[in-house]
């Protein structure tokens, strides 16, 4: 199973990266491959490619601000959450996504 995620927060600093780390760690614990793109104050890092999307089962999008190039994910299952829940409840979110895809 492979998940993608895009994290962004209004200031584009700490919470963007905290959410990315929490999602990555939750996926590792669950045995799920994961690639996380951050859209922070210094721009897009670890950009998700068309090849990544083609092989992914689902994507997690944070909703505290608009995600750039979100249309890339139109044809993939997605979960939209706030940055706060991504940081605090990443394990539960990943488990719910795994259950949703079974």
Protein backbone atom coordinates (compact mmCIF):
# COMPACT_ATOMS: atom_id res chain seq x y z
CA UNK A 1 0.00 0.00 0.00
CA UNK A 2 1.25 3.50 -0.82
CA UNK A 3 0.01 6.85 0.45
CA UNK A 4 0.90 10.34 -0.60
CA UNK A 5 0.45 13.48 1.49
CA UNK A 6 0.69 17.22 0.99
CA UNK A 7 1.06 19.43 4.04
CA UNK A 8 0.80 23.21 4.18
CA UNK A 9 -0.11 25.71 6.87
CA UNK A 10 -0.83 29.45 6.65
CA UNK A 11 2.60 30.51 7.90
CA UNK A 12 4.35 27.70 6.00
CA UNK A 13 6.84 26.97 8.72
CA UNK A 14 6.64 24.71 11.77
CA UNK A 15 3.22 23.08 11.41
CA UNK A 16 3.80 22.17 7.76
CA UNK A 17 6.84 20.12 8.72
CA UNK A 18 5.38 18.77 11.97
CA UNK A 19 2.40 17.40 10.04
CA UNK A 20 4.68 15.90 7.38
CA UNK A 21 6.78 14.17 10.02
CA UNK A 22 3.74 12.85 11.91
CA UNK A 23 2.17 11.41 8.75
CA UNK A 24 5.47 9.85 7.66
CA UNK A 25 6.00 8.23 11.07
CA UNK A 26 2.41 6.93 11.23
CA UNK A 27 2.77 5.35 7.80
CA UNK A 28 6.09 3.73 8.76
CA UNK A 29 4.49 2.26 11.92
CA UNK A 30 1.62 0.87 9.84
CA UNK A 31 3.94 -0.57 7.20
CA UNK A 32 2.65 1.76 4.49
CA UNK A 33 4.94 3.37 1.93
CA UNK A 34 4.52 7.14 2.00
CA UNK A 35 5.80 10.22 0.22
CA UNK A 36 5.07 13.62 1.75
CA UNK A 37 5.28 16.89 -0.16
CA UNK A 38 5.57 20.07 1.89
CA UNK A 39 4.38 23.43 0.66
CA UNK A 40 6.07 25.84 3.04
CA UNK A 41 7.47 29.33 3.10
CA UNK A 42 10.44 28.20 0.98
CA UNK A 43 8.23 26.64 -1.69
CA UNK A 44 7.42 23.06 -2.61
CA UNK A 45 9.79 20.39 -1.29
CA UNK A 46 9.81 16.66 -2.07
CA UNK A 47 7.38 17.29 -4.92
CA UNK A 48 4.97 14.48 -5.76
CA UNK A 49 5.32 13.40 -9.40
CA UNK A 50 2.86 11.92 -11.87
CA UNK A 51 4.66 8.59 -11.41
CA UNK A 52 4.11 8.79 -7.64
CA UNK A 53 0.40 9.43 -8.18
CA UNK A 54 0.08 6.58 -10.67
CA UNK A 55 1.31 4.07 -8.07
CA UNK A 56 -0.46 5.49 -4.99
CA UNK A 57 -3.60 4.19 -3.31
CA UNK A 58 -4.64 7.45 -1.65
CA UNK A 59 -3.53 10.95 -0.71
CA UNK A 60 -3.82 12.97 2.51
CA UNK A 61 -4.31 16.70 1.93
CA UNK A 62 -4.19 19.30 4.69
CA UNK A 63 -6.91 21.92 4.41
CA UNK A 64 -5.72 24.90 6.44
CA UNK A 65 -4.89 26.69 3.20
CA UNK A 66 -5.18 25.91 -0.51
CA UNK A 67 -2.81 23.24 -1.79
CA UNK A 68 -0.95 24.21 -4.97
CA UNK A 69 -1.60 21.97 -7.99
CA UNK A 70 -4.31 20.05 -6.12
CA UNK A 71 -5.89 19.01 -9.43
CA UNK A 72 -3.09 16.41 -9.71
CA UNK A 73 -5.08 14.32 -7.24
CA UNK A 74 -8.48 14.45 -8.97
CA UNK A 75 -8.43 10.74 -9.87
CA UNK A 76 -7.15 9.31 -6.60
CA UNK A 77 -8.89 8.63 -3.30
CA UNK A 78 -8.25 11.43 -0.86
CA UNK A 79 -8.70 12.41 2.75
CA UNK A 80 -8.77 16.08 3.69
CA UNK A 81 -7.77 17.06 7.22
CA UNK A 82 -6.48 20.05 9.11
CA UNK A 83 -2.83 20.40 10.04
CA UNK A 84 -3.67 20.03 13.76
CA UNK A 85 -5.32 16.61 13.36
CA UNK A 86 -2.49 15.55 11.03
CA UNK A 87 -0.03 16.24 13.82
CA UNK A 88 -2.07 14.93 16.76
CA UNK A 89 -3.99 12.03 15.18
CA UNK A 90 -1.78 10.79 12.35
CA UNK A 91 -1.82 7.17 13.54
CA UNK A 92 -5.63 7.06 13.64
CA UNK A 93 -5.92 8.76 10.25
CA UNK A 94 -3.55 6.29 8.61
CA UNK A 95 -5.36 3.32 10.18
CA UNK A 96 -8.72 4.68 9.00
CA UNK A 97 -7.36 5.09 5.47
CA UNK A 98 -6.05 1.51 5.48
CA UNK A 99 -9.48 0.26 6.56
CA UNK A 100 -11.19 2.45 3.95
CA UNK A 101 -9.10 0.92 1.17
CA UNK A 102 -9.62 -2.73 2.14
